[in-house]
Amino acid sequence: MSFRPLIVIPCFNSAHTLSPLLAQLKTKGEVLIVDDGSVDKSSNLAVFHNVKLVRHESNQGLSKAMATAFDFARSEKFSHVVALDSDGQHPPELVPEILRFGENFDLVLGNRFHAISNIPSCKIGANLLASSIFEKLTGIFLSDVACGFRSYRVDRFLNCPFGDDYEFIYRTLLFAIKNRLQIGQVKIPATYFSDQLLATRRTELLSLLSSTSHEFWKDDVVQSRDFVWHLQGIDFHGFYVDAHDSYIIQCDLNSAHEKYHAGN
């Protein structure tokens, strides 16, 4: 199959950020919006910008939205899926570079943690926790295992279980590692908005633990307890924020700098 990529944006109530994103992406390739049950004007904006649209009648979560995107890509004979978040966190101007890497790799990961000096400590802690779980499981350290800005060669993920909630992000990477697919990385900026709580959703943490079979820790998160987990020589402290059903995750920053410096 010839190289024919599809740019995919899964969205849920993203009308306030979607229009400028679509205006930029339309010039870079064919675009699909998977509207995951929005009650705002997200679907209307997809129609207005004349991009492809598939709509879920109810909110089903990221994994189901991406399963829909892959089904669409296969049915329409696209060779690759390039996924971006709908909130503007992923720079559209880097899509051509992701696509260039995608021609030579089965999976291309956006890497926000190639330099961490200006990244908030709670995001460093959460990301390094995920990377450390992957390292313990696979023996491979990847600086950013949770970024949603990626390219996938569609036919390589035919038998990959996408799971539920946020599991898609972790399951596809584990599938690629276990099946020895070619994995590339592209450096991207780490963007955080001032109006966002810089915490990790409890559902996202549960998805990470479920995807990587770390069931022996899962009870802490199921029961919304604070925790201290020791992984790869580093202690990770999780503090539950009830009002947002999220966790603030911290670790020793000197250890984190050493780990990322060695890994990059």
C-alpha atoms as a PDB file:
ATOM      1  CA  MET A   1       0.000   0.000   0.000  1.00  0.00           C
ATOM      2  CA  SER A   2       1.298   3.473  -0.871  1.00  0.00           C
ATOM      3  CA  PHE A   3       1.914   6.055   1.833  1.00  0.00           C
ATOM      4  CA  ARG A   4      -1.455   7.697   2.488  1.00  0.00           C
ATOM      5  CA  PRO A   5      -1.781   9.199   5.980  1.00  0.00           C
ATOM      6  CA  LEU A   6      -4.915  10.273   7.809  1.00  0.00           C
ATOM      7  CA  ILE A   7      -4.691  13.006  10.454  1.00  0.00           C
ATOM      8  CA  VAL A   8      -7.019  12.081  13.326  1.00  0.00           C
ATOM      9  CA  ILE A   9      -8.345  14.306  16.097  1.00  0.00           C
ATOM     10  CA  PRO A  10     -10.479  12.553  18.732  1.00  0.00           C
ATOM     11  CA  CYS A  11     -12.516  15.206  20.496  1.00  0.00           C
ATOM     12  CA  PHE A  12     -15.089  15.704  23.230  1.00  0.00           C
ATOM     13  CA  ASN A  13     -16.615  19.168  23.699  1.00  0.00           C
ATOM     14  CA  SER A  14     -13.625  20.787  21.991  1.00  0.00           C
ATOM     15  CA  ALA A  15     -15.333  23.562  20.009  1.00  0.00           C
ATOM     16  CA  HIS A  16     -13.336  26.298  21.771  1.00  0.00           C
ATOM     17  CA  THR A  17      -9.997  24.947  20.459  1.00  0.00           C
ATOM     18  CA  LEU A  18     -10.959  23.009  17.346  1.00  0.00           C
ATOM     19  CA  SER A  19     -11.426  25.718  14.717  1.00  0.00           C
ATOM     20  CA  PRO A  20      -7.869  27.158  14.670  1.00  0.00           C
ATOM     21  CA  LEU A  21      -6.449  23.631  14.819  1.00  0.00           C
ATOM     22  CA  LEU A  22      -8.477  22.512  11.805  1.00  0.00           C
ATOM     23  CA  ALA A  23      -7.592  25.646   9.862  1.00  0.00           C
ATOM     24  CA  GLN A  24      -3.907  24.719  10.141  1.00  0.00           C
ATOM     25  CA  LEU A  25      -4.249  20.967   9.688  1.00  0.00           C
ATOM     26  CA  LYS A  26      -6.340  21.114   6.499  1.00  0.00           C
ATOM     27  CA  THR A  27      -3.254  22.275   4.631  1.00  0.00           C
ATOM     28  CA  LYS A  28      -1.207  19.300   5.814  1.00  0.00           C
ATOM     29  CA  GLY A  29      -3.350  16.344   4.694  1.00  0.00           C
ATOM     30  CA  GLU A  30      -6.676  14.586   4.989  1.00  0.00           C
ATOM     31  CA  VAL A  31      -8.266  15.097   8.410  1.00  0.00           C
ATOM     32  CA  LEU A  32     -10.782  13.034  10.387  1.00  0.00           C
ATOM     33  CA  ILE A  33     -12.622  14.271  13.470  1.00  0.00           C
ATOM     34  CA  VAL A  34     -13.941  11.544  15.771  1.00  0.00           C
ATOM     35  CA  ASP A  35     -16.535  13.397  17.844  1.00  0.00           C
ATOM     36  CA  ASP A  36     -16.899  11.266  20.951  1.00  0.00           C
ATOM     37  CA  GLY A  37     -20.403  12.319  21.977  1.00  0.00           C
ATOM     38  CA  SER A  38     -19.881  16.087  22.251  1.00  0.00           C
ATOM     39  CA  VAL A  39     -22.809  18.285  23.230  1.00  0.00           C
ATOM     40  CA  ASP A  40     -21.186  21.467  21.907  1.00  0.00           C
ATOM     41  CA  LYS A  41     -20.533  22.486  18.280  1.00  0.00           C
ATOM     42  CA  SER A  42     -17.499  20.260  17.655  1.00  0.00           C
ATOM     43  CA  SER A  43     -19.228  18.335  14.860  1.00  0.00           C
ATOM     44  CA  ASN A  44     -20.524  21.555  13.292  1.00  0.00           C
ATOM     45  CA  LEU A  45     -16.967  22.863  13.090  1.00  0.00           C
ATOM     46  CA  ALA A  46     -15.816  19.699  11.341  1.00  0.00           C
ATOM     47  CA  VAL A  47     -18.545  20.219   8.747  1.00  0.00           C
ATOM     48  CA  PHE A  48     -17.710  23.935   8.438  1.00  0.00           C
ATOM     49  CA  HIS A  49     -14.046  23.165   7.768  1.00  0.00           C
ATOM     50  CA  ASN A  50     -15.002  20.418   5.318  1.00  0.00           C
ATOM     51  CA  VAL A  51     -13.059  17.626   7.014  1.00  0.00           C
ATOM     52  CA  LYS A  52     -14.118  14.026   7.514  1.00  0.00           C
ATOM     53  CA  LEU A  53     -16.339  13.328  10.515  1.00  0.00           C
ATOM     54  CA  VAL A  54     -17.465  10.274  12.476  1.00  0.00           C
ATOM     55  CA  ARG A  55     -19.647  10.884  15.488  1.00  0.00           C
ATOM     56  CA  HIS A  56     -20.355   8.720  18.550  1.00  0.00           C
ATOM     57  CA  GLU A  57     -23.811   9.288  19.989  1.00  0.00           C
ATOM     58  CA  SER A  58     -22.431   9.059  23.529  1.00  0.00           C
ATOM     59  CA  ASN A  59     -19.030   9.595  25.124  1.00  0.00           C
ATOM     60  CA  GLN A  60     -17.054   6.340  24.985  1.00  0.00           C
ATOM     61  CA  GLY A  61     -13.508   7.463  25.820  1.00  0.00           C
ATOM     62  CA  LEU A  62     -10.240   7.810  23.936  1.00  0.00           C
ATOM     63  CA  SER A  63      -9.672   4.105  23.248  1.00  0.00           C
ATOM     64  CA  LYS A  64     -13.062   3.664  21.567  1.00  0.00           C
ATOM     65  CA  ALA A  65     -12.592   6.890  19.612  1.00  0.00           C
ATOM     66  CA  MET A  66      -9.264   5.659  18.269  1.00  0.00           C
ATOM     67  CA  ALA A  67     -10.735   2.238  17.455  1.00  0.00           C
ATOM     68  CA  THR A  68     -13.308   4.080  15.342  1.00  0.00           C
ATOM     69  CA  ALA A  69     -10.501   6.060  13.676  1.00  0.00           C
ATOM     70  CA  PHE A  70      -8.543   2.911  12.815  1.00  0.00           C
ATOM     71  CA  ASP A  71     -11.679   1.219  11.435  1.00  0.00           C
ATOM     72  CA  PHE A  72     -12.285   4.264   9.251  1.00  0.00           C
ATOM     73  CA  ALA A  73      -8.639   4.336   8.096  1.00  0.00           C
ATOM     74  CA  ARG A  74      -8.725   0.662   7.120  1.00  0.00           C
ATOM     75  CA  SER A  75     -12.042   0.950   5.277  1.00  0.00           C
ATOM     76  CA  GLU A  76     -10.829   3.988   3.324  1.00  0.00           C
ATOM     77  CA  LYS A  77      -7.397   2.467   2.565  1.00  0.00           C
ATOM     78  CA  PHE A  78      -5.244   4.892   4.555  1.00  0.00           C
ATOM     79  CA  SER A  79      -1.779   3.549   5.334  1.00  0.00           C
ATOM     80  CA  HIS A  80      -1.068   5.599   8.485  1.00  0.00           C
ATOM     81  CA  VAL A  81      -2.919   7.364  11.271  1.00  0.00           C
ATOM     82  CA  VAL A  82      -1.407  10.517  12.767  1.00  0.00           C
ATOM     83  CA  ALA A  83      -3.171  11.415  16.007  1.00  0.00           C
ATOM     84  CA  LEU A  84      -3.262  14.781  17.784  1.00  0.00           C
ATOM     85  CA  ASP A  85      -5.117  15.990  20.866  1.00  0.00           C
ATOM     86  CA  SER A  86      -7.940  18.447  20.251  1.00  0.00           C
ATOM     87  CA  ASP A  87      -6.885  21.013  22.872  1.00  0.00           C
ATOM     88  CA  GLY A  88      -4.094  22.612  20.839  1.00  0.00           C
ATOM     89  CA  GLN A  89      -1.337  21.086  22.955  1.00  0.00           C
ATOM     90  CA  HIS A  90       0.288  19.409  19.955  1.00  0.00           C
ATOM     91  CA  PRO A  91       1.746  21.821  17.366  1.00  0.00           C
ATOM     92  CA  PRO A  92       0.238  21.248  13.895  1.00  0.00           C
ATOM     93  CA  GLU A  93       3.436  22.548  12.271  1.00  0.00           C
ATOM     94  CA  LEU A  94       5.201  19.363  13.412  1.00  0.00           C
ATOM     95  CA  VAL A  95       2.783  17.065  11.566  1.00  0.00           C
ATOM     96  CA  PRO A  96       5.031  16.994   8.444  1.00  0.00           C
ATOM     97  CA  GLU A  97       7.969  15.820  10.563  1.00  0.00           C
ATOM     98  CA  ILE A  98       5.855  13.133  12.228  1.00  0.00           C
ATOM     99  CA  LEU A  99       4.739  12.068   8.741  1.00  0.00           C
ATOM    100  CA  ARG A 100       8.327  11.980   7.482  1.00  0.00           C
ATOM    101  CA  PHE A 101       9.314   9.672  10.338  1.00  0.00           C
ATOM    102  CA  GLY A 102       6.121   7.652   9.793  1.00  0.00           C
ATOM    103  CA  GLU A 103       7.307   6.571   6.349  1.00  0.00           C
ATOM    104  CA  ASN A 104      10.161   4.652   7.999  1.00  0.00           C
ATOM    105  CA  PHE A 105       8.730   3.587  11.377  1.00  0.00           C
ATOM    106  CA  ASP A 106       5.706   1.531  12.417  1.00  0.00           C
ATOM    107  CA  LEU A 107       5.096   3.788  15.426  1.00  0.00           C
ATOM    108  CA  VAL A 108       6.358   7.342  15.932  1.00  0.00           C
ATOM    109  CA  LEU A 109       6.172   8.861  19.409  1.00  0.00           C
ATOM    110  CA  GLY A 110       6.095  12.538  20.228  1.00  0.00           C
ATOM    111  CA  ASN A 111       8.698  13.110  22.953  1.00  0.00           C
ATOM    112  CA  ARG A 112       7.965  16.082  25.256  1.00  0.00           C
ATOM    113  CA  PHE A 113      10.583  15.088  27.834  1.00  0.00           C
ATOM    114  CA  HIS A 114      13.796  15.474  25.830  1.00  0.00           C
ATOM    115  CA  ALA A 115      14.507  18.442  28.141  1.00  0.00           C
ATOM    116  CA  ILE A 116      12.744  18.914  31.477  1.00  0.00           C
ATOM    117  CA  SER A 117      14.131  22.129  32.969  1.00  0.00           C
ATOM    118  CA  ASN A 118      10.917  24.097  32.371  1.00  0.00           C
ATOM    119  CA  ILE A 119       8.386  21.308  32.960  1.00  0.00           C
ATOM    120  CA  PRO A 120       6.286  21.415  36.172  1.00  0.00           C
ATOM    121  CA  SER A 121       7.470  18.915  38.776  1.00  0.00           C
ATOM    122  CA  CYS A 122       4.120  17.095  38.981  1.00  0.00           C
ATOM    123  CA  LYS A 123       4.201  16.421  35.227  1.00  0.00           C
ATOM    124  CA  ILE A 124       7.775  15.145  35.519  1.00  0.00           C
ATOM    125  CA  GLY A 125       6.710  12.831  38.344  1.00  0.00           C
ATOM    126  CA  ALA A 126       3.689  11.465  36.496  1.00  0.00           C
ATOM    127  CA  ASN A 127       5.538  10.929  33.236  1.00  0.00           C
ATOM    128  CA  LEU A 128       8.579   9.335  34.841  1.00  0.00           C
ATOM    129  CA  LEU A 129       6.295   6.992  36.788  1.00  0.00           C
ATOM    130  CA  ALA A 130       4.752   5.766  33.524  1.00  0.00           C
ATOM    131  CA  SER A 131       8.145   5.448  31.825  1.00  0.00           C
ATOM    132  CA  SER A 132       9.536   3.561  34.826  1.00  0.00           C
ATOM    133  CA  ILE A 133       6.648   1.088  34.794  1.00  0.00           C
ATOM    134  CA  PHE A 134       7.335   0.457  31.098  1.00  0.00           C
ATOM    135  CA  GLU A 135      11.052   0.063  31.782  1.00  0.00           C
ATOM    136  CA  LYS A 136      10.384  -2.459  34.558  1.00  0.00           C
ATOM    137  CA  LEU A 137       8.060  -4.386  32.267  1.00  0.00           C
ATOM    138  CA  THR A 138      10.047  -4.293  29.019  1.00  0.00           C
ATOM    139  CA  GLY A 139      13.634  -3.412  29.949  1.00  0.00           C
ATOM    140  CA  ILE A 140      13.416  -0.353  27.671  1.00  0.00           C
ATOM    141  CA  PHE A 141      13.394   3.251  28.893  1.00  0.00           C
ATOM    142  CA  LEU A 142      11.422   5.643  26.701  1.00  0.00           C
ATOM    143  CA  SER A 143      11.299   9.277  27.777  1.00  0.00           C
ATOM    144  CA  ASP A 144       7.620   9.805  26.931  1.00  0.00           C
ATOM    145  CA  VAL A 145       5.206   6.872  26.898  1.00  0.00           C
ATOM    146  CA  ALA A 146       1.983   8.881  27.356  1.00  0.00           C
ATOM    147  CA  CYS A 147       2.060  11.497  24.597  1.00  0.00           C
ATOM    148  CA  GLY A 148      -0.945  11.332  22.273  1.00  0.00           C
ATOM    149  CA  PHE A 149       0.878  12.947  19.323  1.00  0.00           C
ATOM    150  CA  ARG A 150       1.858   9.852  17.336  1.00  0.00           C
ATOM    151  CA  SER A 151       1.952   8.165  13.961  1.00  0.00           C
ATOM    152  CA  TYR A 152       0.816   4.549  13.509  1.00  0.00           C
ATOM    153  CA  ARG A 153       1.230   2.288  10.506  1.00  0.00           C
ATOM    154  CA  VAL A 154      -2.320   0.987  10.344  1.00  0.00           C
ATOM    155  CA  ASP A 155      -1.669  -2.578   9.184  1.00  0.00           C
ATOM    156  CA  ARG A 156       0.827  -3.186  12.012  1.00  0.00           C
ATOM    157  CA  PHE A 157      -1.858  -2.783  14.689  1.00  0.00           C
ATOM    158  CA  LEU A 158      -4.517  -5.149  13.326  1.00  0.00           C
ATOM    159  CA  ASN A 159      -4.390  -7.479  16.333  1.00  0.00           C
ATOM    160  CA  CYS A 160      -3.705  -4.872  18.994  1.00  0.00           C
ATOM    161  CA  PRO A 161      -6.296  -4.703  21.809  1.00  0.00           C
ATOM    162  CA  PHE A 162      -7.072  -1.012  22.297  1.00  0.00           C
ATOM    163  CA  GLY A 163      -8.865  -1.441  25.644  1.00  0.00           C
ATOM    164  CA  ASP A 164     -10.963   1.218  27.375  1.00  0.00           C
ATOM    165  CA  ASP A 165     -10.570   4.775  28.664  1.00  0.00           C
ATOM    166  CA  TYR A 166      -6.937   5.864  28.100  1.00  0.00           C
ATOM    167  CA  GLU A 167      -5.551   2.328  27.668  1.00  0.00           C
ATOM    168  CA  PHE A 168      -5.059   2.828  23.908  1.00  0.00           C
ATOM    169  CA  ILE A 169      -1.987   5.002  24.534  1.00  0.00           C
ATOM    170  CA  TYR A 170      -0.239   2.359  26.623  1.00  0.00           C
ATOM    171  CA  ARG A 171      -1.507  -0.800  24.911  1.00  0.00           C
ATOM    172  CA  THR A 172      -0.348   0.276  21.447  1.00  0.00           C
ATOM    173  CA  LEU A 173       3.142   1.036  22.736  1.00  0.00           C
ATOM    174  CA  LEU A 174       3.371  -2.271  24.623  1.00  0.00           C
ATOM    175  CA  PHE A 175       2.114  -4.085  21.528  1.00  0.00           C
ATOM    176  CA  ALA A 176       4.799  -2.389  19.407  1.00  0.00           C
ATOM    177  CA  ILE A 177       7.573  -3.291  21.855  1.00  0.00           C
ATOM    178  CA  LYS A 178       6.473  -6.909  22.298  1.00  0.00           C
ATOM    179  CA  ASN A 179       6.109  -7.412  18.547  1.00  0.00           C
ATOM    180  CA  ARG A 180       9.427  -5.709  17.794  1.00  0.00           C
ATOM    181  CA  LEU A 181       7.896  -3.049  15.597  1.00  0.00           C
ATOM    182  CA  GLN A 182      10.075  -0.166  14.482  1.00  0.00           C
ATOM    183  CA  ILE A 183       9.639   2.748  16.919  1.00  0.00           C
ATOM    184  CA  GLY A 184      10.850   6.284  16.235  1.00  0.00           C
ATOM    185  CA  GLN A 185      10.693   9.458  18.329  1.00  0.00           C
ATOM    186  CA  VAL A 186      10.252  13.122  17.404  1.00  0.00           C
ATOM    187  CA  LYS A 187      11.046  15.912  19.847  1.00  0.00           C
ATOM    188  CA  ILE A 188       8.049  18.163  20.489  1.00  0.00           C
ATOM    189  CA  PRO A 189       7.513  21.023  22.949  1.00  0.00           C
ATOM    190  CA  ALA A 190       5.848  20.359  26.285  1.00  0.00           C
ATOM    191  CA  THR A 191       2.861  22.714  26.420  1.00  0.00           C
ATOM    192  CA  TYR A 192       0.800  23.283  29.566  1.00  0.00           C
ATOM    193  CA  PHE A 193      -1.982  25.821  29.870  1.00  0.00           C
ATOM    194  CA  SER A 194      -2.371  28.127  32.861  1.00  0.00           C
ATOM    195  CA  ASP A 195      -6.081  27.329  33.259  1.00  0.00           C
ATOM    196  CA  GLN A 196      -5.468  23.581  33.602  1.00  0.00           C
ATOM    197  CA  LEU A 197      -4.895  21.656  36.815  1.00  0.00           C
ATOM    198  CA  LEU A 198      -1.482  20.063  36.351  1.00  0.00           C
ATOM    199  CA  ALA A 199      -2.540  16.721  37.757  1.00  0.00           C
ATOM    200  CA  THR A 200      -3.067  13.203  36.428  1.00  0.00           C
ATOM    201  CA  ARG A 201      -6.651  12.007  36.117  1.00  0.00           C
ATOM    202  CA  ARG A 202      -7.353   8.976  38.263  1.00  0.00           C
ATOM    203  CA  THR A 203      -8.910   7.245  35.222  1.00  0.00           C
ATOM    204  CA  GLU A 204      -5.686   7.781  33.278  1.00  0.00           C
ATOM    205  CA  LEU A 205      -3.605   6.291  36.090  1.00  0.00           C
ATOM    206  CA  LEU A 206      -5.980   3.322  36.274  1.00  0.00           C
ATOM    207  CA  SER A 207      -5.620   2.832  32.520  1.00  0.00           C
ATOM    208  CA  LEU A 208      -1.823   2.799  32.856  1.00  0.00           C
ATOM    209  CA  LEU A 209      -1.935   0.197  35.632  1.00  0.00           C
ATOM    210  CA  SER A 210      -4.509  -1.969  33.837  1.00  0.00           C
ATOM    211  CA  SER A 211      -2.596  -1.878  30.549  1.00  0.00           C
ATOM    212  CA  THR A 212       0.675  -2.866  32.174  1.00  0.00           C
ATOM    213  CA  SER A 213      -0.836  -5.471  34.541  1.00  0.00           C
ATOM    214  CA  HIS A 214       0.329  -3.685  37.682  1.00  0.00           C
ATOM    215  CA  GLU A 215      -2.723  -4.923  39.545  1.00  0.00           C
ATOM    216  CA  PHE A 216      -0.864  -5.114  42.859  1.00  0.00           C
ATOM    217  CA  TRP A 217      -0.845  -1.295  42.971  1.00  0.00           C
ATOM    218  CA  LYS A 218      -4.259  -0.755  41.493  1.00  0.00           C
ATOM    219  CA  ASP A 219      -6.115  -0.926  44.826  1.00  0.00           C
ATOM    220  CA  ASP A 220      -4.490   2.331  45.947  1.00  0.00           C
ATOM    221  CA  VAL A 221      -5.914   4.166  42.951  1.00  0.00           C
ATOM    222  CA  VAL A 222      -9.282   2.381  42.933  1.00  0.00           C
ATOM    223  CA  GLN A 223      -9.736   3.476  46.538  1.00  0.00           C
ATOM    224  CA  SER A 224      -8.360   6.990  45.905  1.00  0.00           C
ATOM    225  CA  ARG A 225      -5.568   6.595  48.454  1.00  0.00           C
ATOM    226  CA  ASP A 226      -2.317   8.506  48.621  1.00  0.00           C
ATOM    227  CA  PHE A 227       0.605   6.248  47.774  1.00  0.00           C
ATOM    228  CA  VAL A 228       4.374   5.806  47.740  1.00  0.00           C
ATOM    229  CA  TRP A 229       5.626   3.432  45.039  1.00  0.00           C
ATOM    230  CA  HIS A 230       9.288   2.476  44.541  1.00  0.00           C
ATOM    231  CA  LEU A 231      10.297   1.848  40.936  1.00  0.00           C
ATOM    232  CA  GLN A 232      13.666   1.590  39.208  1.00  0.00           C
ATOM    233  CA  GLY A 233      15.402   3.109  42.225  1.00  0.00           C
ATOM    234  CA  ILE A 234      13.026   6.093  42.539  1.00  0.00           C
ATOM    235  CA  ASP A 235      10.241   6.788  45.053  1.00  0.00           C
ATOM    236  CA  PHE A 236       7.031   8.178  43.563  1.00  0.00           C
ATOM    237  CA  HIS A 237       4.589   9.967  45.865  1.00  0.00           C
ATOM    238  CA  GLY A 238       0.960  10.258  44.764  1.00  0.00           C
ATOM    239  CA  PHE A 239      -1.382  12.733  46.467  1.00  0.00           C
ATOM    240  CA  TYR A 240      -5.077  12.363  45.699  1.00  0.00           C
ATOM    241  CA  VAL A 241      -7.036  15.564  44.911  1.00  0.00           C
ATOM    242  CA  ASP A 242     -10.655  14.717  45.652  1.00  0.00           C
ATOM    243  CA  ALA A 243     -12.182  17.823  44.052  1.00  0.00           C
ATOM    244  CA  HIS A 244     -10.726  16.853  40.652  1.00  0.00           C
ATOM    245  CA  ASP A 245     -10.554  13.065  41.025  1.00  0.00           C
ATOM    246  CA  SER A 246      -6.877  13.356  40.125  1.00  0.00           C
ATOM    247  CA  TYR A 247      -3.401  12.742  41.503  1.00  0.00           C
ATOM    248  CA  ILE A 248      -0.446  15.059  42.015  1.00  0.00           C
ATOM    249  CA  ILE A 249       2.596  12.817  41.523  1.00  0.00           C
ATOM    250  CA  GLN A 250       6.051  13.827  42.723  1.00  0.00           C
ATOM    251  CA  CYS A 251       9.506  12.293  42.710  1.00  0.00           C
ATOM    252  CA  ASP A 252      13.062  13.395  43.459  1.00  0.00           C
ATOM    253  CA  LEU A 253      13.917  15.857  40.691  1.00  0.00           C
ATOM    254  CA  ASN A 254      17.661  15.212  40.777  1.00  0.00           C
ATOM    255  CA  SER A 255      16.986  11.531  40.096  1.00  0.00           C
ATOM    256  CA  ALA A 256      14.577  12.496  37.320  1.00  0.00           C
ATOM    257  CA  HIS A 257      17.149  14.753  35.637  1.00  0.00           C
ATOM    258  CA  GLU A 258      19.728  11.967  35.760  1.00  0.00           C
ATOM    259  CA  LYS A 259      17.280   9.465  34.311  1.00  0.00           C
ATOM    260  CA  TYR A 260      16.176  11.683  31.435  1.00  0.00           C
ATOM    261  CA  HIS A 261      19.732  12.798  30.683  1.00  0.00           C
ATOM    262  CA  ALA A 262      20.818   9.155  30.359  1.00  0.00           C
ATOM    263  CA  GLY A 263      17.687   8.232  28.374  1.00  0.00           C
ATOM    264  CA  ASN A 264      17.948  11.047  25.839  1.00  0.00           C
END
